[in-house]
Amino acid sequence: MNLASFVKEKRGAVKLTQPELAEKAGVGLRFIRELEQGKQTLRLDKVNQVLALFGYEMGPIALNRLK
């Protein structure tokens, strides 16, 4: 699951609109829209503000690379 789908799913589960999520997270509505549309470049601190509402945060993940 990608980040956009994850946020949409979590937002839907708690029955928040995009404007409500933006207000609760302290970010702009445009940011929420871009996040849920899968924009490739987003500020990590703002992503974490949104994810914190659901008890999550972004962090480094090891890539499984074949050698």
PDB file of N, CA and C in Angstrom:
ATOM      1  N   MET A   1       0.847  -1.179   0.000  1.00  0.00           N
ATOM      2  CA  MET A   1       0.000   0.000   0.000  1.00  0.00           C
ATOM      3  C   MET A   1       0.889   1.237   0.000  1.00  0.00           C
ATOM      4  N   ASN A   2       0.558   2.201  -0.828  1.00  0.00           N
ATOM      5  CA  ASN A   2       1.344   3.428  -0.864  1.00  0.00           C
ATOM      6  C   ASN A   2       0.816   4.433   0.154  1.00  0.00           C
ATOM      7  N   LEU A   3       1.565   5.504   0.336  1.00  0.00           N
ATOM      8  CA  LEU A   3       1.232   6.512   1.339  1.00  0.00           C
ATOM      9  C   LEU A   3      -0.126   7.161   1.065  1.00  0.00           C
ATOM     10  N   ALA A   4      -0.396   7.499  -0.179  1.00  0.00           N
ATOM     11  CA  ALA A   4      -1.667   8.147  -0.526  1.00  0.00           C
ATOM     12  C   ALA A   4      -2.849   7.266  -0.139  1.00  0.00           C
ATOM     13  N   SER A   5      -2.794   6.004  -0.488  1.00  0.00           N
ATOM     14  CA  SER A   5      -3.871   5.071  -0.153  1.00  0.00           C
ATOM     15  C   SER A   5      -4.002   4.881   1.349  1.00  0.00           C
ATOM     16  N   PHE A   6      -2.872   4.823   2.030  1.00  0.00           N
ATOM     17  CA  PHE A   6      -2.865   4.650   3.480  1.00  0.00           C
ATOM     18  C   PHE A   6      -3.593   5.804   4.161  1.00  0.00           C
ATOM     19  N   VAL A   7      -3.257   7.029   3.776  1.00  0.00           N
ATOM     20  CA  VAL A   7      -3.878   8.200   4.396  1.00  0.00           C
ATOM     21  C   VAL A   7      -5.375   8.252   4.066  1.00  0.00           C
ATOM     22  N   LYS A   8      -5.735   7.981   2.817  1.00  0.00           N
ATOM     23  CA  LYS A   8      -7.151   7.970   2.440  1.00  0.00           C
ATOM     24  C   LYS A   8      -7.930   6.949   3.269  1.00  0.00           C
ATOM     25  N   GLU A   9      -7.348   5.765   3.412  1.00  0.00           N
ATOM     26  CA  GLU A   9      -8.005   4.689   4.167  1.00  0.00           C
ATOM     27  C   GLU A   9      -8.179   5.079   5.632  1.00  0.00           C
ATOM     28  N   LYS A  10      -7.127   5.611   6.239  1.00  0.00           N
ATOM     29  CA  LYS A  10      -7.193   6.006   7.652  1.00  0.00           C
ATOM     30  C   LYS A  10      -8.187   7.148   7.850  1.00  0.00           C
ATOM     31  N   ARG A  11      -8.182   8.106   6.945  1.00  0.00           N
ATOM     32  CA  ARG A  11      -9.114   9.234   7.036  1.00  0.00           C
ATOM     33  C   ARG A  11     -10.548   8.731   6.928  1.00  0.00           C
ATOM     34  N   GLY A  12     -10.790   7.832   5.998  1.00  0.00           N
ATOM     35  CA  GLY A  12     -12.130   7.271   5.828  1.00  0.00           C
ATOM     36  C   GLY A  12     -12.587   6.481   7.043  1.00  0.00           C
ATOM     37  N   ALA A  13     -11.652   5.761   7.663  1.00  0.00           N
ATOM     38  CA  ALA A  13     -11.993   4.937   8.822  1.00  0.00           C
ATOM     39  C   ALA A  13     -12.483   5.776  10.005  1.00  0.00           C
ATOM     40  N   VAL A  14     -11.958   7.000  10.113  1.00  0.00           N
ATOM     41  CA  VAL A  14     -12.387   7.877  11.221  1.00  0.00           C
ATOM     42  C   VAL A  14     -13.398   8.922  10.750  1.00  0.00           C
ATOM     43  N   LYS A  15     -13.861   8.766   9.500  1.00  0.00           N
ATOM     44  CA  LYS A  15     -14.917   9.609   8.932  1.00  0.00           C
ATOM     45  C   LYS A  15     -14.596  11.108   8.979  1.00  0.00           C
ATOM     46  N   LEU A  16     -13.388  11.443   8.531  1.00  0.00           N
ATOM     47  CA  LEU A  16     -12.996  12.848   8.425  1.00  0.00           C
ATOM     48  C   LEU A  16     -12.998  13.263   6.967  1.00  0.00           C
ATOM     49  N   THR A  17     -13.396  14.489   6.700  1.00  0.00           N
ATOM     50  CA  THR A  17     -13.257  15.044   5.357  1.00  0.00           C
ATOM     51  C   THR A  17     -11.816  15.542   5.208  1.00  0.00           C
ATOM     52  N   GLN A  18     -11.417  15.838   3.998  1.00  0.00           N
ATOM     53  CA  GLN A  18     -10.084  16.401   3.794  1.00  0.00           C
ATOM     54  C   GLN A  18      -9.907  17.706   4.567  1.00  0.00           C
ATOM     55  N   PRO A  19     -10.873  18.636   4.524  1.00  0.00           N
ATOM     56  CA  PRO A  19     -10.708  19.873   5.304  1.00  0.00           C
ATOM     57  C   PRO A  19     -10.588  19.621   6.810  1.00  0.00           C
ATOM     58  N   GLU A  20     -11.349  18.666   7.318  1.00  0.00           N
ATOM     59  CA  GLU A  20     -11.267  18.341   8.746  1.00  0.00           C
ATOM     60  C   GLU A  20      -9.902  17.771   9.104  1.00  0.00           C
ATOM     61  N   LEU A  21      -9.387  16.886   8.259  1.00  0.00           N
ATOM     62  CA  LEU A  21      -8.061  16.304   8.507  1.00  0.00           C
ATOM     63  C   LEU A  21      -6.996  17.388   8.475  1.00  0.00           C
ATOM     64  N   ALA A  22      -7.075  18.271   7.507  1.00  0.00           N
ATOM     65  CA  ALA A  22      -6.103  19.361   7.398  1.00  0.00           C
ATOM     66  C   ALA A  22      -6.101  20.209   8.663  1.00  0.00           C
ATOM     67  N   GLU A  23      -7.290  20.550   9.142  1.00  0.00           N
ATOM     68  CA  GLU A  23      -7.386  21.377  10.347  1.00  0.00           C
ATOM     69  C   GLU A  23      -6.820  20.660  11.567  1.00  0.00           C
ATOM     70  N   LYS A  24      -7.189  19.402  11.753  1.00  0.00           N
ATOM     71  CA  LYS A  24      -6.716  18.643  12.913  1.00  0.00           C
ATOM     72  C   LYS A  24      -5.201  18.442  12.882  1.00  0.00           C
ATOM     73  N   ALA A  25      -4.641  18.278  11.682  1.00  0.00           N
ATOM     74  CA  ALA A  25      -3.202  18.038  11.548  1.00  0.00           C
ATOM     75  C   ALA A  25      -2.389  19.326  11.541  1.00  0.00           C
ATOM     76  N   GLY A  26      -3.064  20.456  11.337  1.00  0.00           N
ATOM     77  CA  GLY A  26      -2.355  21.727  11.290  1.00  0.00           C
ATOM     78  C   GLY A  26      -1.619  21.952   9.985  1.00  0.00           C
ATOM     79  N   VAL A  27      -2.167  21.402   8.907  1.00  0.00           N
ATOM     80  CA  VAL A  27      -1.592  21.596   7.575  1.00  0.00           C
ATOM     81  C   VAL A  27      -2.685  22.163   6.671  1.00  0.00           C
ATOM     82  N   GLY A  28      -2.307  22.601   5.494  1.00  0.00           N
ATOM     83  CA  GLY A  28      -3.271  23.155   4.565  1.00  0.00           C
ATOM     84  C   GLY A  28      -4.046  22.088   3.819  1.00  0.00           C
ATOM     85  N   LEU A  29      -5.229  22.468   3.371  1.00  0.00           N
ATOM     86  CA  LEU A  29      -6.061  21.562   2.587  1.00  0.00           C
ATOM     87  C   LEU A  29      -5.339  21.135   1.312  1.00  0.00           C
ATOM     88  N   ARG A  30      -4.633  22.057   0.689  1.00  0.00           N
ATOM     89  CA  ARG A  30      -3.892  21.719  -0.527  1.00  0.00           C
ATOM     90  C   ARG A  30      -2.881  20.609  -0.260  1.00  0.00           C
ATOM     91  N   PHE A  31      -2.221  20.666   0.903  1.00  0.00           N
ATOM     92  CA  PHE A  31      -1.254  19.625   1.254  1.00  0.00           C
ATOM     93  C   PHE A  31      -1.939  18.260   1.345  1.00  0.00           C
ATOM     94  N   ILE A  32      -3.100  18.207   1.991  1.00  0.00           N
ATOM     95  CA  ILE A  32      -3.828  16.941   2.126  1.00  0.00           C
ATOM     96  C   ILE A  32      -4.213  16.411   0.753  1.00  0.00           C
ATOM     97  N   ARG A  33      -4.695  17.289  -0.093  1.00  0.00           N
ATOM     98  CA  ARG A  33      -5.073  16.858  -1.451  1.00  0.00           C
ATOM     99  C   ARG A  33      -3.876  16.301  -2.208  1.00  0.00           C
ATOM    100  N   GLU A  34      -2.754  16.991  -2.137  1.00  0.00           N
ATOM    101  CA  GLU A  34      -1.547  16.520  -2.828  1.00  0.00           C
ATOM    102  C   GLU A  34      -1.054  15.201  -2.240  1.00  0.00           C
ATOM    103  N   LEU A  35      -1.134  15.080  -0.934  1.00  0.00           N
ATOM    104  CA  LEU A  35      -0.724  13.838  -0.270  1.00  0.00           C
ATOM    105  C   LEU A  35      -1.578  12.671  -0.744  1.00  0.00           C
ATOM    106  N   GLU A  36      -2.886  12.864  -0.762  1.00  0.00           N
ATOM    107  CA  GLU A  36      -3.792  11.790  -1.168  1.00  0.00           C
ATOM    108  C   GLU A  36      -3.772  11.521  -2.670  1.00  0.00           C
ATOM    109  N   GLN A  37      -3.250  12.451  -3.447  1.00  0.00           N
ATOM    110  CA  GLN A  37      -3.116  12.236  -4.890  1.00  0.00           C
ATOM    111  C   GLN A  37      -1.769  11.622  -5.252  1.00  0.00           C
ATOM    112  N   GLY A  38      -0.919  11.415  -4.236  1.00  0.00           N
ATOM    113  CA  GLY A  38       0.351  10.746  -4.472  1.00  0.00           C
ATOM    114  C   GLY A  38       1.453  11.640  -5.001  1.00  0.00           C
ATOM    115  N   LYS A  39       1.416  12.919  -4.674  1.00  0.00           N
ATOM    116  CA  LYS A  39       2.482  13.820  -5.119  1.00  0.00           C
ATOM    117  C   LYS A  39       3.828  13.257  -4.680  1.00  0.00           C
ATOM    118  N   GLN A  40       4.801  13.308  -5.568  1.00  0.00           N
ATOM    119  CA  GLN A  40       6.099  12.687  -5.320  1.00  0.00           C
ATOM    120  C   GLN A  40       6.977  13.457  -4.337  1.00  0.00           C
ATOM    121  N   THR A  41       6.812  14.758  -4.261  1.00  0.00           N
ATOM    122  CA  THR A  41       7.647  15.560  -3.358  1.00  0.00           C
ATOM    123  C   THR A  41       6.769  16.261  -2.338  1.00  0.00           C
ATOM    124  N   LEU A  42       6.917  15.865  -1.089  1.00  0.00           N
ATOM    125  CA  LEU A  42       6.165  16.439   0.018  1.00  0.00           C
ATOM    126  C   LEU A  42       7.103  16.664   1.189  1.00  0.00           C
ATOM    127  N   ARG A  43       6.809  17.637   2.009  1.00  0.00           N
ATOM    128  CA  ARG A  43       7.624  17.888   3.197  1.00  0.00           C
ATOM    129  C   ARG A  43       7.375  16.788   4.226  1.00  0.00           C
ATOM    130  N   LEU A  44       8.455  16.144   4.635  1.00  0.00           N
ATOM    131  CA  LEU A  44       8.353  15.026   5.566  1.00  0.00           C
ATOM    132  C   LEU A  44       7.771  15.449   6.907  1.00  0.00           C
ATOM    133  N   ASP A  45       8.106  16.642   7.383  1.00  0.00           N
ATOM    134  CA  ASP A  45       7.566  17.082   8.672  1.00  0.00           C
ATOM    135  C   ASP A  45       6.044  17.208   8.606  1.00  0.00           C
ATOM    136  N   LYS A  46       5.530  17.667   7.489  1.00  0.00           N
ATOM    137  CA  LYS A  46       4.082  17.786   7.343  1.00  0.00           C
ATOM    138  C   LYS A  46       3.422  16.419   7.184  1.00  0.00           C
ATOM    139  N   VAL A  47       4.074  15.526   6.458  1.00  0.00           N
ATOM    140  CA  VAL A  47       3.554  14.161   6.331  1.00  0.00           C
ATOM    141  C   VAL A  47       3.434  13.548   7.725  1.00  0.00           C
ATOM    142  N   ASN A  48       4.456  13.741   8.550  1.00  0.00           N
ATOM    143  CA  ASN A  48       4.434  13.187   9.899  1.00  0.00           C
ATOM    144  C   ASN A  48       3.377  13.844  10.782  1.00  0.00           C
ATOM    145  N   GLN A  49       3.074  15.107  10.553  1.00  0.00           N
ATOM    146  CA  GLN A  49       1.987  15.761  11.294  1.00  0.00           C
ATOM    147  C   GLN A  49       0.662  15.055  11.022  1.00  0.00           C
ATOM    148  N   VAL A  50       0.445  14.703   9.769  1.00  0.00           N
ATOM    149  CA  VAL A  50      -0.788  14.016   9.385  1.00  0.00           C
ATOM    150  C   VAL A  50      -0.788  12.595   9.940  1.00  0.00           C
ATOM    151  N   LEU A  51       0.289  11.874   9.740  1.00  0.00           N
ATOM    152  CA  LEU A  51       0.356  10.489  10.196  1.00  0.00           C
ATOM    153  C   LEU A  51       0.251  10.363  11.707  1.00  0.00           C
ATOM    154  N   ALA A  52       0.738  11.357  12.441  1.00  0.00           N
ATOM    155  CA  ALA A  52       0.698  11.319  13.904  1.00  0.00           C
ATOM    156  C   ALA A  52      -0.735  11.210  14.419  1.00  0.00           C
ATOM    157  N   LEU A  53      -1.681  11.764  13.682  1.00  0.00           N
ATOM    158  CA  LEU A  53      -3.087  11.665  14.094  1.00  0.00           C
ATOM    159  C   LEU A  53      -3.576  10.224  14.121  1.00  0.00           C
ATOM    160  N   PHE A  54      -2.931   9.372  13.333  1.00  0.00           N
ATOM    161  CA  PHE A  54      -3.310   7.968  13.246  1.00  0.00           C
ATOM    162  C   PHE A  54      -2.340   7.051  14.001  1.00  0.00           C
ATOM    163  N   GLY A  55      -1.372   7.667  14.711  1.00  0.00           N
ATOM    164  CA  GLY A  55      -0.412   6.883  15.484  1.00  0.00           C
ATOM    165  C   GLY A  55       0.743   6.330  14.673  1.00  0.00           C
ATOM    166  N   TYR A  56       1.102   7.004  13.577  1.00  0.00           N
ATOM    167  CA  TYR A  56       2.187   6.551  12.704  1.00  0.00           C
ATOM    168  C   TYR A  56       3.151   7.695  12.427  1.00  0.00           C
ATOM    169  N   GLU A  57       4.313   7.348  11.898  1.00  0.00           N
ATOM    170  CA  GLU A  57       5.254   8.336  11.369  1.00  0.00           C
ATOM    171  C   GLU A  57       6.096   7.686  10.294  1.00  0.00           C
ATOM    172  N   MET A  58       6.622   8.512   9.406  1.00  0.00           N
ATOM    173  CA  MET A  58       7.495   8.025   8.337  1.00  0.00           C
ATOM    174  C   MET A  58       8.902   7.899   8.885  1.00  0.00           C
ATOM    175  N   GLY A  59       9.628   6.955   8.354  1.00  0.00           N
ATOM    176  CA  GLY A  59      11.006   6.783   8.758  1.00  0.00           C
ATOM    177  C   GLY A  59      11.756   5.956   7.727  1.00  0.00           C
ATOM    178  N   PRO A  60      13.042   5.766   7.953  1.00  0.00           N
ATOM    179  CA  PRO A  60      13.833   4.984   7.005  1.00  0.00           C
ATOM    180  C   PRO A  60      13.426   3.514   7.002  1.00  0.00           C
ATOM    181  N   ILE A  61      13.381   2.966   5.818  1.00  0.00           N
ATOM    182  CA  ILE A  61      13.045   1.553   5.641  1.00  0.00           C
ATOM    183  C   ILE A  61      14.139   0.925   4.784  1.00  0.00           C
ATOM    184  N   ALA A  62      14.635  -0.202   5.233  1.00  0.00           N
ATOM    185  CA  ALA A  62      15.677  -0.906   4.474  1.00  0.00           C
ATOM    186  C   ALA A  62      15.095  -1.438   3.175  1.00  0.00           C
ATOM    187  N   LEU A  63      15.841  -1.274   2.102  1.00  0.00           N
ATOM    188  CA  LEU A  63      15.429  -1.802   0.818  1.00  0.00           C
ATOM    189  C   LEU A  63      16.011  -3.207   0.671  1.00  0.00           C
ATOM    190  N   ASN A  64      15.211  -4.127   0.219  1.00  0.00           N
ATOM    191  CA  ASN A  64      15.695  -5.480  -0.046  1.00  0.00           C
ATOM    192  C   ASN A  64      16.196  -5.520  -1.485  1.00  0.00           C
ATOM    193  N   ARG A  65      17.480  -5.433  -1.615  1.00  0.00           N
ATOM    194  CA  ARG A  65      18.074  -5.426  -2.968  1.00  0.00           C
ATOM    195  C   ARG A  65      18.765  -6.739  -3.232  1.00  0.00           C
ATOM    196  N   LEU A  66      18.533  -7.238  -4.414  1.00  0.00           N
ATOM    197  CA  LEU A  66      19.195  -8.478  -4.831  1.00  0.00           C
ATOM    198  C   LEU A  66      20.586  -8.151  -5.323  1.00  0.00           C
ATOM    199  N   LYS A  67      21.542  -8.945  -4.939  1.00  0.00           N
ATOM    200  CA  LYS A  67      22.923  -8.718  -5.393  1.00  0.00           C
ATOM    201  C   LYS A  67      23.362  -9.820  -6.310  1.00  0.00           C
TER     202      LYS A  67
END
